[in-house]
């Protein structure tokens, strides 16, 4: 091809942006947990490390020297709160025989049954890192080309180049009285569980002291068993999982015929209640049959998902999910959630 003449226009457009955001929060206390700080508050936290602790930290071996600085700070704070030496290990180095694993499971279950409640201190640390990059470049060409043999070519060309990258990292550390509790929730409207931003004073771990916890939103209800028959849910002992951390296992204890369903064949089916609150904050207790729930399936799978409020503060987290069958034949979800207390 021989070009005789041409008239071309080339244009391009380029856009790019980069966002990096780091959100970090730390709460520590002795005694009763403090009230949640306002979203804009950034209370200072001071931890005094003993001189012996400083010497031990600076003179420690290669393990502590290899620690990420923030982790070392948290280790120092835990040692200051508890007065005990914190030892770190790599979980990949552990190797347990089946018999040892079973024994440890029994010990853990016994510990959950006999745990007295609060330990008198707590620490909550949250760090969320977000990074996003995007770039877009476009090319546009149009015009005319005349060749030596008299042919005229009209051309139009577009080229798009795009890329986008998103990375998120979240670190959550809770110790002492800052642990999360795990009740079961039945979702009646087909959607996942939602939590209210308003807190409710409720004794979730049944230790005689009320905690400030989020309640489930409209369309969901806590699965409960009114053990004393007084027509209300008094504390976490009447929920499933709030004390032991495994609501599905607690519910399975009610499966009298062993068919992996809680249904009308089980005596406790009629005693189960769905605890919800209306728009005015009035408690409502409904039977499973009254809410159209025919049977609760006892198997579940892990479905980790964090639930945060409008200020990006952690309210709780979905831990696992199962299902139930409605009397209509439709299926709904039964979820175990970790409530932050």
C-alpha atoms as a PDB file:
ATOM      1  CA  UNK A   1       0.000   0.000   0.000  1.00  0.00           C
ATOM      2  CA  UNK A   2       1.198   3.443  -0.940  1.00  0.00           C
ATOM      3  CA  UNK A   3      -0.279   6.418   0.916  1.00  0.00           C
ATOM      4  CA  UNK A   4      -0.924   9.488  -1.173  1.00  0.00           C
ATOM      5  CA  UNK A   5      -2.537  11.711   1.464  1.00  0.00           C
ATOM      6  CA  UNK A   6      -4.254  11.474   4.821  1.00  0.00           C
ATOM      7  CA  UNK A   7      -6.259  13.463   7.317  1.00  0.00           C
ATOM      8  CA  UNK A   8      -6.370  11.901  10.753  1.00  0.00           C
ATOM      9  CA  UNK A   9      -7.339  12.960  14.248  1.00  0.00           C
ATOM     10  CA  UNK A  10      -5.995  11.172  17.296  1.00  0.00           C
ATOM     11  CA  UNK A  11      -7.266  11.748  20.823  1.00  0.00           C
ATOM     12  CA  UNK A  12      -6.830  10.018  24.134  1.00  0.00           C
ATOM     13  CA  UNK A  13      -8.099  10.212  27.657  1.00  0.00           C
ATOM     14  CA  UNK A  14      -6.441   8.982  30.821  1.00  0.00           C
ATOM     15  CA  UNK A  15      -7.867   8.661  34.336  1.00  0.00           C
ATOM     16  CA  UNK A  16      -6.262   7.141  37.396  1.00  0.00           C
ATOM     17  CA  UNK A  17      -6.798   7.212  41.109  1.00  0.00           C
ATOM     18  CA  UNK A  18      -5.383   5.568  44.208  1.00  0.00           C
ATOM     19  CA  UNK A  19      -7.047   5.311  47.604  1.00  0.00           C
ATOM     20  CA  UNK A  20      -5.399   4.109  50.785  1.00  0.00           C
ATOM     21  CA  UNK A  21      -7.281   4.112  54.056  1.00  0.00           C
ATOM     22  CA  UNK A  22      -6.319   2.806  57.461  1.00  0.00           C
ATOM     23  CA  UNK A  23      -8.780   2.723  60.365  1.00  0.00           C
ATOM     24  CA  UNK A  24      -7.551   1.717  63.784  1.00  0.00           C
ATOM     25  CA  UNK A  25      -9.189   1.572  67.199  1.00  0.00           C
ATOM     26  CA  UNK A  26      -8.145   0.358  70.629  1.00  0.00           C
ATOM     27  CA  UNK A  27     -10.104   0.013  73.882  1.00  0.00           C
ATOM     28  CA  UNK A  28      -8.709  -1.270  77.162  1.00  0.00           C
ATOM     29  CA  UNK A  29     -10.196  -1.426  80.624  1.00  0.00           C
ATOM     30  CA  UNK A  30     -10.042  -2.914  84.086  1.00  0.00           C
ATOM     31  CA  UNK A  31     -13.214  -3.772  85.930  1.00  0.00           C
ATOM     32  CA  UNK A  32     -16.497  -3.206  84.089  1.00  0.00           C
ATOM     33  CA  UNK A  33     -16.341  -2.525  80.330  1.00  0.00           C
ATOM     34  CA  UNK A  34     -16.682   1.196  79.570  1.00  0.00           C
ATOM     35  CA  UNK A  35     -19.470   2.595  77.445  1.00  0.00           C
ATOM     36  CA  UNK A  36     -18.859   2.706  73.707  1.00  0.00           C
ATOM     37  CA  UNK A  37     -17.126   5.986  72.795  1.00  0.00           C
ATOM     38  CA  UNK A  38     -18.759   8.362  70.363  1.00  0.00           C
ATOM     39  CA  UNK A  39     -17.766   7.864  66.734  1.00  0.00           C
ATOM     40  CA  UNK A  40     -15.641  11.015  66.651  1.00  0.00           C
ATOM     41  CA  UNK A  41     -13.918  10.490  69.974  1.00  0.00           C
ATOM     42  CA  UNK A  42     -10.379   9.176  70.048  1.00  0.00           C
ATOM     43  CA  UNK A  43      -9.640   8.508  73.708  1.00  0.00           C
ATOM     44  CA  UNK A  44      -5.995   8.173  74.573  1.00  0.00           C
ATOM     45  CA  UNK A  45      -4.846   4.950  76.139  1.00  0.00           C
ATOM     46  CA  UNK A  46      -1.796   4.833  78.371  1.00  0.00           C
ATOM     47  CA  UNK A  47      -0.150   1.622  79.412  1.00  0.00           C
ATOM     48  CA  UNK A  48       2.698   1.590  81.922  1.00  0.00           C
ATOM     49  CA  UNK A  49       5.163  -1.225  81.379  1.00  0.00           C
ATOM     50  CA  UNK A  50       7.378  -2.132  84.312  1.00  0.00           C
ATOM     51  CA  UNK A  51      11.131  -1.614  84.104  1.00  0.00           C
ATOM     52  CA  UNK A  52      11.567  -5.373  84.259  1.00  0.00           C
ATOM     53  CA  UNK A  53       9.178  -5.721  81.373  1.00  0.00           C
ATOM     54  CA  UNK A  54      11.133  -3.180  79.354  1.00  0.00           C
ATOM     55  CA  UNK A  55      14.383  -4.987  80.017  1.00  0.00           C
ATOM     56  CA  UNK A  56      12.828  -8.287  79.112  1.00  0.00           C
ATOM     57  CA  UNK A  57      11.429  -6.840  75.904  1.00  0.00           C
ATOM     58  CA  UNK A  58      14.693  -5.254  74.793  1.00  0.00           C
ATOM     59  CA  UNK A  59      16.764  -8.264  75.761  1.00  0.00           C
ATOM     60  CA  UNK A  60      14.472 -10.921  74.305  1.00  0.00           C
ATOM     61  CA  UNK A  61      15.504 -13.400  71.674  1.00  0.00           C
ATOM     62  CA  UNK A  62      14.847 -13.636  67.991  1.00  0.00           C
ATOM     63  CA  UNK A  63      11.133 -14.384  68.357  1.00  0.00           C
ATOM     64  CA  UNK A  64      10.223 -10.984  69.775  1.00  0.00           C
ATOM     65  CA  UNK A  65      12.680  -9.223  67.504  1.00  0.00           C
ATOM     66  CA  UNK A  66      10.795 -10.661  64.548  1.00  0.00           C
ATOM     67  CA  UNK A  67       7.409  -9.412  65.765  1.00  0.00           C
ATOM     68  CA  UNK A  68       5.572  -6.765  63.810  1.00  0.00           C
ATOM     69  CA  UNK A  69       5.768  -3.572  65.952  1.00  0.00           C
ATOM     70  CA  UNK A  70       2.009  -3.282  66.528  1.00  0.00           C
ATOM     71  CA  UNK A  71       1.793  -6.894  67.631  1.00  0.00           C
ATOM     72  CA  UNK A  72       4.622  -6.336  70.099  1.00  0.00           C
ATOM     73  CA  UNK A  73       2.744  -3.352  71.547  1.00  0.00           C
ATOM     74  CA  UNK A  74      -0.367  -5.500  72.011  1.00  0.00           C
ATOM     75  CA  UNK A  75       1.675  -8.224  73.684  1.00  0.00           C
ATOM     76  CA  UNK A  76       3.142  -5.644  76.082  1.00  0.00           C
ATOM     77  CA  UNK A  77      -0.329  -4.299  76.889  1.00  0.00           C
ATOM     78  CA  UNK A  78      -1.724  -7.767  77.569  1.00  0.00           C
ATOM     79  CA  UNK A  79       1.173  -8.495  79.900  1.00  0.00           C
ATOM     80  CA  UNK A  80       0.548  -5.202  81.706  1.00  0.00           C
ATOM     81  CA  UNK A  81      -3.154  -5.979  82.131  1.00  0.00           C
ATOM     82  CA  UNK A  82      -2.817  -9.599  83.197  1.00  0.00           C
ATOM     83  CA  UNK A  83       0.533  -9.509  84.978  1.00  0.00           C
ATOM     84  CA  UNK A  84       1.486 -12.659  83.136  1.00  0.00           C
ATOM     85  CA  UNK A  85       4.103 -13.501  80.560  1.00  0.00           C
ATOM     86  CA  UNK A  86       2.627 -13.858  77.058  1.00  0.00           C
ATOM     87  CA  UNK A  87       4.205 -16.594  74.979  1.00  0.00           C
ATOM     88  CA  UNK A  88       3.734 -16.667  71.212  1.00  0.00           C
ATOM     89  CA  UNK A  89       3.944 -19.694  68.987  1.00  0.00           C
ATOM     90  CA  UNK A  90       3.336 -20.656  65.370  1.00  0.00           C
ATOM     91  CA  UNK A  91       0.181 -22.766  65.127  1.00  0.00           C
ATOM     92  CA  UNK A  92       1.688 -24.625  62.177  1.00  0.00           C
ATOM     93  CA  UNK A  93       4.210 -26.171  64.587  1.00  0.00           C
ATOM     94  CA  UNK A  94       1.477 -27.905  66.560  1.00  0.00           C
ATOM     95  CA  UNK A  95       0.723 -31.556  65.917  1.00  0.00           C
ATOM     96  CA  UNK A  96      -1.957 -33.351  67.916  1.00  0.00           C
ATOM     97  CA  UNK A  97      -2.956 -36.977  67.872  1.00  0.00           C
ATOM     98  CA  UNK A  98      -6.698 -37.756  67.521  1.00  0.00           C
ATOM     99  CA  UNK A  99      -6.825 -38.787  71.178  1.00  0.00           C
ATOM    100  CA  UNK A 100      -5.229 -35.527  72.287  1.00  0.00           C
ATOM    101  CA  UNK A 101      -7.634 -33.499  70.153  1.00  0.00           C
ATOM    102  CA  UNK A 102     -10.617 -35.283  71.711  1.00  0.00           C
ATOM    103  CA  UNK A 103      -9.267 -34.649  75.205  1.00  0.00           C
ATOM    104  CA  UNK A 104      -8.738 -30.968  74.472  1.00  0.00           C
ATOM    105  CA  UNK A 105     -12.276 -30.700  73.076  1.00  0.00           C
ATOM    106  CA  UNK A 106     -13.633 -32.213  76.307  1.00  0.00           C
ATOM    107  CA  UNK A 107     -11.586 -29.785  78.396  1.00  0.00           C
ATOM    108  CA  UNK A 108     -12.771 -26.828  76.334  1.00  0.00           C
ATOM    109  CA  UNK A 109     -16.389 -27.903  76.686  1.00  0.00           C
ATOM    110  CA  UNK A 110     -15.969 -28.314  80.428  1.00  0.00           C
ATOM    111  CA  UNK A 111     -14.367 -24.903  80.654  1.00  0.00           C
ATOM    112  CA  UNK A 112     -17.287 -23.356  78.822  1.00  0.00           C
ATOM    113  CA  UNK A 113     -19.747 -25.011  81.182  1.00  0.00           C
ATOM    114  CA  UNK A 114     -17.922 -23.943  84.336  1.00  0.00           C
ATOM    115  CA  UNK A 115     -16.655 -20.541  83.300  1.00  0.00           C
ATOM    116  CA  UNK A 116     -17.741 -18.007  85.890  1.00  0.00           C
ATOM    117  CA  UNK A 117     -17.993 -15.042  83.534  1.00  0.00           C
ATOM    118  CA  UNK A 118     -15.850 -11.935  83.681  1.00  0.00           C
ATOM    119  CA  UNK A 119     -12.102 -11.873  84.254  1.00  0.00           C
ATOM    120  CA  UNK A 120     -11.954  -8.222  85.274  1.00  0.00           C
ATOM    121  CA  UNK A 121     -10.185  -6.759  82.243  1.00  0.00           C
ATOM    122  CA  UNK A 122     -10.610  -6.481  78.507  1.00  0.00           C
ATOM    123  CA  UNK A 123      -8.902  -5.330  75.357  1.00  0.00           C
ATOM    124  CA  UNK A 124     -10.299  -4.699  71.886  1.00  0.00           C
ATOM    125  CA  UNK A 125      -8.085  -3.870  68.938  1.00  0.00           C
ATOM    126  CA  UNK A 126      -9.344  -3.331  65.386  1.00  0.00           C
ATOM    127  CA  UNK A 127      -7.319  -2.434  62.324  1.00  0.00           C
ATOM    128  CA  UNK A 128      -8.741  -2.198  58.827  1.00  0.00           C
ATOM    129  CA  UNK A 129      -6.610  -1.433  55.792  1.00  0.00           C
ATOM    130  CA  UNK A 130      -8.130  -0.616  52.412  1.00  0.00           C
ATOM    131  CA  UNK A 131      -6.267   0.000  49.202  1.00  0.00           C
ATOM    132  CA  UNK A 132      -7.782   0.600  45.801  1.00  0.00           C
ATOM    133  CA  UNK A 133      -6.177   1.503  42.497  1.00  0.00           C
ATOM    134  CA  UNK A 134      -7.845   2.084  39.159  1.00  0.00           C
ATOM    135  CA  UNK A 135      -6.620   3.301  35.797  1.00  0.00           C
ATOM    136  CA  UNK A 136      -8.348   3.809  32.491  1.00  0.00           C
ATOM    137  CA  UNK A 137      -6.919   4.981  29.168  1.00  0.00           C
ATOM    138  CA  UNK A 138      -8.838   5.347  25.931  1.00  0.00           C
ATOM    139  CA  UNK A 139      -7.646   6.044  22.401  1.00  0.00           C
ATOM    140  CA  UNK A 140      -9.816   7.318  19.565  1.00  0.00           C
ATOM    141  CA  UNK A 141      -8.697   7.752  15.968  1.00  0.00           C
ATOM    142  CA  UNK A 142     -10.706   8.810  12.920  1.00  0.00           C
ATOM    143  CA  UNK A 143     -10.039  10.269   9.517  1.00  0.00           C
ATOM    144  CA  UNK A 144      -9.469   9.556   5.858  1.00  0.00           C
ATOM    145  CA  UNK A 145      -6.581   8.048   3.925  1.00  0.00           C
ATOM    146  CA  UNK A 146      -6.123   8.210   0.146  1.00  0.00           C
ATOM    147  CA  UNK A 147      -3.834   5.688  -1.498  1.00  0.00           C
ATOM    148  CA  UNK A 148      -1.788   6.108  -4.652  1.00  0.00           C
ATOM    149  CA  UNK A 149      -4.217   3.952  -6.652  1.00  0.00           C
ATOM    150  CA  UNK A 150      -7.079   6.377  -5.880  1.00  0.00           C
ATOM    151  CA  UNK A 151      -8.770   4.398  -3.097  1.00  0.00           C
ATOM    152  CA  UNK A 152     -10.153   6.405  -0.180  1.00  0.00           C
ATOM    153  CA  UNK A 153     -10.331   4.758   3.197  1.00  0.00           C
ATOM    154  CA  UNK A 154     -12.412   6.083   6.063  1.00  0.00           C
ATOM    155  CA  UNK A 155     -11.264   4.771   9.385  1.00  0.00           C
ATOM    156  CA  UNK A 156     -12.406   4.891  12.980  1.00  0.00           C
ATOM    157  CA  UNK A 157     -10.586   3.123  15.782  1.00  0.00           C
ATOM    158  CA  UNK A 158     -11.221   2.865  19.529  1.00  0.00           C
ATOM    159  CA  UNK A 159      -9.025   1.255  22.138  1.00  0.00           C
ATOM    160  CA  UNK A 160      -9.818   0.863  25.845  1.00  0.00           C
ATOM    161  CA  UNK A 161      -7.366  -0.166  28.548  1.00  0.00           C
ATOM    162  CA  UNK A 162      -8.636  -0.703  32.105  1.00  0.00           C
ATOM    163  CA  UNK A 163      -7.320  -2.075  35.341  1.00  0.00           C
ATOM    164  CA  UNK A 164      -8.589  -2.105  38.917  1.00  0.00           C
ATOM    165  CA  UNK A 165      -7.098  -3.504  42.099  1.00  0.00           C
ATOM    166  CA  UNK A 166      -8.693  -3.737  45.546  1.00  0.00           C
ATOM    167  CA  UNK A 167      -7.049  -5.101  48.678  1.00  0.00           C
ATOM    168  CA  UNK A 168      -8.511  -5.243  52.180  1.00  0.00           C
ATOM    169  CA  UNK A 169      -6.948  -6.521  55.376  1.00  0.00           C
ATOM    170  CA  UNK A 170      -8.646  -6.696  58.742  1.00  0.00           C
ATOM    171  CA  UNK A 171      -7.106  -7.545  62.100  1.00  0.00           C
ATOM    172  CA  UNK A 172      -9.282  -8.056  65.154  1.00  0.00           C
ATOM    173  CA  UNK A 173      -7.985  -8.895  68.621  1.00  0.00           C
ATOM    174  CA  UNK A 174     -10.270  -9.414  71.600  1.00  0.00           C
ATOM    175  CA  UNK A 175      -9.208 -10.699  74.968  1.00  0.00           C
ATOM    176  CA  UNK A 176     -10.583 -10.919  78.479  1.00  0.00           C
ATOM    177  CA  UNK A 177     -14.144  -9.603  78.756  1.00  0.00           C
ATOM    178  CA  UNK A 178     -14.121  -8.345  75.142  1.00  0.00           C
ATOM    179  CA  UNK A 179     -15.039 -11.691  73.615  1.00  0.00           C
ATOM    180  CA  UNK A 180     -18.043 -12.091  71.337  1.00  0.00           C
ATOM    181  CA  UNK A 181     -21.131 -14.179  72.128  1.00  0.00           C
ATOM    182  CA  UNK A 182     -22.900 -16.451  69.680  1.00  0.00           C
ATOM    183  CA  UNK A 183     -26.733 -16.671  69.730  1.00  0.00           C
ATOM    184  CA  UNK A 184     -28.842 -18.233  66.957  1.00  0.00           C
ATOM    185  CA  UNK A 185     -31.013 -16.019  64.749  1.00  0.00           C
ATOM    186  CA  UNK A 186     -33.931 -17.020  62.514  1.00  0.00           C
ATOM    187  CA  UNK A 187     -34.377 -14.822  59.426  1.00  0.00           C
ATOM    188  CA  UNK A 188     -38.071 -14.684  58.617  1.00  0.00           C
ATOM    189  CA  UNK A 189     -38.042 -12.300  55.642  1.00  0.00           C
ATOM    190  CA  UNK A 190     -35.614 -14.207  53.426  1.00  0.00           C
ATOM    191  CA  UNK A 191     -32.676 -11.841  53.876  1.00  0.00           C
ATOM    192  CA  UNK A 192     -29.541 -12.086  56.014  1.00  0.00           C
ATOM    193  CA  UNK A 193     -29.455 -10.918  59.618  1.00  0.00           C
ATOM    194  CA  UNK A 194     -29.120  -7.189  60.283  1.00  0.00           C
ATOM    195  CA  UNK A 195     -28.247  -5.563  63.606  1.00  0.00           C
ATOM    196  CA  UNK A 196     -29.599  -2.338  65.058  1.00  0.00           C
ATOM    197  CA  UNK A 197     -27.305   0.563  65.871  1.00  0.00           C
ATOM    198  CA  UNK A 198     -29.210   1.222  69.098  1.00  0.00           C
ATOM    199  CA  UNK A 199     -27.905  -0.883  71.973  1.00  0.00           C
ATOM    200  CA  UNK A 200     -29.971  -2.984  74.352  1.00  0.00           C
ATOM    201  CA  UNK A 201     -29.049  -3.622  77.988  1.00  0.00           C
ATOM    202  CA  UNK A 202     -29.181  -7.419  78.226  1.00  0.00           C
ATOM    203  CA  UNK A 203     -27.333 -10.001  80.303  1.00  0.00           C
ATOM    204  CA  UNK A 204     -26.057 -11.980  77.321  1.00  0.00           C
ATOM    205  CA  UNK A 205     -23.622 -14.253  79.161  1.00  0.00           C
ATOM    206  CA  UNK A 206     -25.971 -14.811  82.139  1.00  0.00           C
ATOM    207  CA  UNK A 207     -23.459 -13.637  84.736  1.00  0.00           C
ATOM    208  CA  UNK A 208     -25.842 -11.255  86.499  1.00  0.00           C
ATOM    209  CA  UNK A 209     -24.598  -8.118  84.721  1.00  0.00           C
ATOM    210  CA  UNK A 210     -26.188  -6.519  81.678  1.00  0.00           C
ATOM    211  CA  UNK A 211     -24.087  -5.779  78.594  1.00  0.00           C
ATOM    212  CA  UNK A 212     -24.806  -3.283  75.843  1.00  0.00           C
ATOM    213  CA  UNK A 213     -25.501  -5.338  72.709  1.00  0.00           C
ATOM    214  CA  UNK A 214     -27.120  -4.760  69.346  1.00  0.00           C
ATOM    215  CA  UNK A 215     -30.506  -6.356  68.658  1.00  0.00           C
ATOM    216  CA  UNK A 216     -31.557  -8.048  65.441  1.00  0.00           C
ATOM    217  CA  UNK A 217     -33.276  -5.848  62.872  1.00  0.00           C
ATOM    218  CA  UNK A 218     -36.793  -6.247  61.525  1.00  0.00           C
ATOM    219  CA  UNK A 219     -37.389  -9.533  59.739  1.00  0.00           C
ATOM    220  CA  UNK A 220     -35.184 -11.533  62.122  1.00  0.00           C
ATOM    221  CA  UNK A 221     -35.598 -12.964  65.615  1.00  0.00           C
ATOM    222  CA  UNK A 222     -33.446 -14.640  68.241  1.00  0.00           C
ATOM    223  CA  UNK A 223     -34.235 -18.311  68.753  1.00  0.00           C
ATOM    224  CA  UNK A 224     -35.049 -18.743  72.433  1.00  0.00           C
ATOM    225  CA  UNK A 225     -36.355 -21.199  74.995  1.00  0.00           C
ATOM    226  CA  UNK A 226     -38.402 -19.673  77.809  1.00  0.00           C
ATOM    227  CA  UNK A 227     -37.007 -22.042  80.413  1.00  0.00           C
ATOM    228  CA  UNK A 228     -38.824 -20.598  83.435  1.00  0.00           C
ATOM    229  CA  UNK A 229     -42.099 -19.992  81.596  1.00  0.00           C
ATOM    230  CA  UNK A 230     -42.436 -16.339  82.650  1.00  0.00           C
ATOM    231  CA  UNK A 231     -43.252 -15.107  79.155  1.00  0.00           C
ATOM    232  CA  UNK A 232     -40.011 -13.203  78.578  1.00  0.00           C
ATOM    233  CA  UNK A 233     -36.358 -13.820  77.777  1.00  0.00           C
ATOM    234  CA  UNK A 234     -34.432 -12.975  80.931  1.00  0.00           C
ATOM    235  CA  UNK A 235     -30.810 -13.525  79.907  1.00  0.00           C
ATOM    236  CA  UNK A 236     -28.497 -15.414  77.568  1.00  0.00           C
ATOM    237  CA  UNK A 237     -29.192 -18.750  79.258  1.00  0.00           C
ATOM    238  CA  UNK A 238     -32.515 -18.754  77.388  1.00  0.00           C
ATOM    239  CA  UNK A 239     -30.809 -18.234  74.014  1.00  0.00           C
ATOM    240  CA  UNK A 240     -28.776 -20.776  72.049  1.00  0.00           C
ATOM    241  CA  UNK A 241     -25.009 -20.317  72.012  1.00  0.00           C
ATOM    242  CA  UNK A 242     -24.644 -17.175  74.109  1.00  0.00           C
ATOM    243  CA  UNK A 243     -22.825 -19.070  76.871  1.00  0.00           C
ATOM    244  CA  UNK A 244     -21.149 -22.033  75.144  1.00  0.00           C
ATOM    245  CA  UNK A 245     -20.382 -20.364  71.812  1.00  0.00           C
ATOM    246  CA  UNK A 246     -22.098 -23.120  69.775  1.00  0.00           C
ATOM    247  CA  UNK A 247     -25.808 -22.540  69.368  1.00  0.00           C
ATOM    248  CA  UNK A 248     -26.304 -25.329  66.840  1.00  0.00           C
ATOM    249  CA  UNK A 249     -24.822 -27.863  69.272  1.00  0.00           C
ATOM    250  CA  UNK A 250     -27.113 -26.635  72.056  1.00  0.00           C
ATOM    251  CA  UNK A 251     -30.117 -26.861  69.732  1.00  0.00           C
ATOM    252  CA  UNK A 252     -29.132 -30.393  68.681  1.00  0.00           C
ATOM    253  CA  UNK A 253     -29.576 -31.514  72.296  1.00  0.00           C
ATOM    254  CA  UNK A 254     -33.341 -31.050  71.781  1.00  0.00           C
ATOM    255  CA  UNK A 255     -33.460 -33.486  68.832  1.00  0.00           C
ATOM    256  CA  UNK A 256     -35.252 -36.317  70.630  1.00  0.00           C
ATOM    257  CA  UNK A 257     -35.698 -38.617  67.607  1.00  0.00           C
ATOM    258  CA  UNK A 258     -32.242 -37.990  66.127  1.00  0.00           C
ATOM    259  CA  UNK A 259     -33.411 -37.052  62.625  1.00  0.00           C
ATOM    260  CA  UNK A 260     -31.249 -33.869  62.498  1.00  0.00           C
ATOM    261  CA  UNK A 261     -34.379 -31.681  62.568  1.00  0.00           C
ATOM    262  CA  UNK A 262     -36.146 -29.873  65.383  1.00  0.00           C
ATOM    263  CA  UNK A 263     -39.764 -30.480  64.412  1.00  0.00           C
ATOM    264  CA  UNK A 264     -43.105 -31.437  65.917  1.00  0.00           C
ATOM    265  CA  UNK A 265     -41.723 -34.890  66.759  1.00  0.00           C
ATOM    266  CA  UNK A 266     -39.533 -33.206  69.390  1.00  0.00           C
ATOM    267  CA  UNK A 267     -41.170 -32.262  72.678  1.00  0.00           C
ATOM    268  CA  UNK A 268     -39.311 -28.949  72.957  1.00  0.00           C
ATOM    269  CA  UNK A 269     -40.476 -27.736  69.537  1.00  0.00           C
ATOM    270  CA  UNK A 270     -43.578 -26.228  71.148  1.00  0.00           C
ATOM    271  CA  UNK A 271     -41.492 -24.517  73.835  1.00  0.00           C
ATOM    272  CA  UNK A 272     -39.202 -22.683  71.416  1.00  0.00           C
ATOM    273  CA  UNK A 273     -39.825 -18.985  70.876  1.00  0.00           C
ATOM    274  CA  UNK A 274     -38.816 -16.320  68.377  1.00  0.00           C
ATOM    275  CA  UNK A 275     -37.793 -13.150  70.215  1.00  0.00           C
ATOM    276  CA  UNK A 276     -38.133  -9.923  68.253  1.00  0.00           C
ATOM    277  CA  UNK A 277     -38.939  -6.266  68.894  1.00  0.00           C
ATOM    278  CA  UNK A 278     -41.387  -4.013  67.099  1.00  0.00           C
ATOM    279  CA  UNK A 279     -40.755  -0.466  65.852  1.00  0.00           C
ATOM    280  CA  UNK A 280     -41.539   0.935  69.323  1.00  0.00           C
ATOM    281  CA  UNK A 281     -39.029  -1.374  71.007  1.00  0.00           C
ATOM    282  CA  UNK A 282     -41.664  -3.642  72.556  1.00  0.00           C
ATOM    283  CA  UNK A 283     -40.573  -7.269  72.953  1.00  0.00           C
ATOM    284  CA  UNK A 284     -42.485  -9.907  71.012  1.00  0.00           C
ATOM    285  CA  UNK A 285     -42.386 -13.658  71.636  1.00  0.00           C
ATOM    286  CA  UNK A 286     -43.865 -15.945  68.986  1.00  0.00           C
ATOM    287  CA  UNK A 287     -44.027 -19.721  68.745  1.00  0.00           C
ATOM    288  CA  UNK A 288     -42.405 -21.435  65.773  1.00  0.00           C
ATOM    289  CA  UNK A 289     -45.787 -22.622  64.545  1.00  0.00           C
ATOM    290  CA  UNK A 290     -47.253 -19.146  64.972  1.00  0.00           C
ATOM    291  CA  UNK A 291     -44.488 -17.713  62.782  1.00  0.00           C
ATOM    292  CA  UNK A 292     -44.948 -20.458  60.181  1.00  0.00           C
ATOM    293  CA  UNK A 293     -41.645 -22.194  60.951  1.00  0.00           C
ATOM    294  CA  UNK A 294     -42.142 -25.940  60.539  1.00  0.00           C
ATOM    295  CA  UNK A 295     -38.702 -27.423  61.218  1.00  0.00           C
ATOM    296  CA  UNK A 296     -35.138 -26.305  62.019  1.00  0.00           C
ATOM    297  CA  UNK A 297     -32.260 -28.156  60.331  1.00  0.00           C
ATOM    298  CA  UNK A 298     -29.293 -28.860  62.606  1.00  0.00           C
ATOM    299  CA  UNK A 299     -26.428 -28.944  60.092  1.00  0.00           C
ATOM    300  CA  UNK A 300     -24.574 -25.739  59.270  1.00  0.00           C
ATOM    301  CA  UNK A 301     -21.620 -24.417  57.269  1.00  0.00           C
ATOM    302  CA  UNK A 302     -19.162 -21.630  58.032  1.00  0.00           C
ATOM    303  CA  UNK A 303     -20.274 -18.305  56.496  1.00  0.00           C
ATOM    304  CA  UNK A 304     -17.958 -15.648  57.986  1.00  0.00           C
ATOM    305  CA  UNK A 305     -19.194 -12.094  57.441  1.00  0.00           C
ATOM    306  CA  UNK A 306     -18.692  -8.965  59.550  1.00  0.00           C
ATOM    307  CA  UNK A 307     -21.599  -6.666  60.427  1.00  0.00           C
ATOM    308  CA  UNK A 308     -20.679  -3.012  60.918  1.00  0.00           C
ATOM    309  CA  UNK A 309     -22.608   0.176  61.624  1.00  0.00           C
ATOM    310  CA  UNK A 310     -22.587   3.431  59.647  1.00  0.00           C
ATOM    311  CA  UNK A 311     -19.398   4.522  61.461  1.00  0.00           C
ATOM    312  CA  UNK A 312     -17.678   1.285  60.401  1.00  0.00           C
ATOM    313  CA  UNK A 313     -17.628   0.010  63.988  1.00  0.00           C
ATOM    314  CA  UNK A 314     -17.962  -3.738  64.401  1.00  0.00           C
ATOM    315  CA  UNK A 315     -21.358  -4.790  65.810  1.00  0.00           C
ATOM    316  CA  UNK A 316     -21.007  -8.500  65.302  1.00  0.00           C
ATOM    317  CA  UNK A 317     -20.223 -11.165  62.758  1.00  0.00           C
ATOM    318  CA  UNK A 318     -22.037 -14.023  61.101  1.00  0.00           C
ATOM    319  CA  UNK A 319     -20.240 -17.223  62.063  1.00  0.00           C
ATOM    320  CA  UNK A 320     -22.229 -20.032  60.427  1.00  0.00           C
ATOM    321  CA  UNK A 321     -25.533 -20.585  58.645  1.00  0.00           C
ATOM    322  CA  UNK A 322     -28.100 -23.341  58.289  1.00  0.00           C
ATOM    323  CA  UNK A 323     -31.712 -23.475  57.193  1.00  0.00           C
ATOM    324  CA  UNK A 324     -35.277 -24.054  58.273  1.00  0.00           C
ATOM    325  CA  UNK A 325     -38.431 -25.132  56.468  1.00  0.00           C
ATOM    326  CA  UNK A 326     -41.582 -23.062  56.673  1.00  0.00           C
ATOM    327  CA  UNK A 327     -45.020 -24.665  56.796  1.00  0.00           C
ATOM    328  CA  UNK A 328     -45.530 -23.315  53.269  1.00  0.00           C
ATOM    329  CA  UNK A 329     -42.613 -25.418  52.025  1.00  0.00           C
ATOM    330  CA  UNK A 330     -40.306 -22.432  51.535  1.00  0.00           C
ATOM    331  CA  UNK A 331     -36.806 -22.454  53.000  1.00  0.00           C
ATOM    332  CA  UNK A 332     -35.252 -19.768  55.190  1.00  0.00           C
ATOM    333  CA  UNK A 333     -31.945 -19.238  56.960  1.00  0.00           C
ATOM    334  CA  UNK A 334     -30.857 -19.917  60.536  1.00  0.00           C
ATOM    335  CA  UNK A 335     -27.626 -18.122  61.450  1.00  0.00           C
ATOM    336  CA  UNK A 336     -25.219 -18.104  64.367  1.00  0.00           C
ATOM    337  CA  UNK A 337     -23.867 -14.613  64.982  1.00  0.00           C
ATOM    338  CA  UNK A 338     -21.116 -13.268  67.203  1.00  0.00           C
ATOM    339  CA  UNK A 339     -22.405 -10.244  69.104  1.00  0.00           C
ATOM    340  CA  UNK A 340     -19.848  -7.739  70.327  1.00  0.00           C
ATOM    341  CA  UNK A 341     -20.350  -6.986  74.022  1.00  0.00           C
END
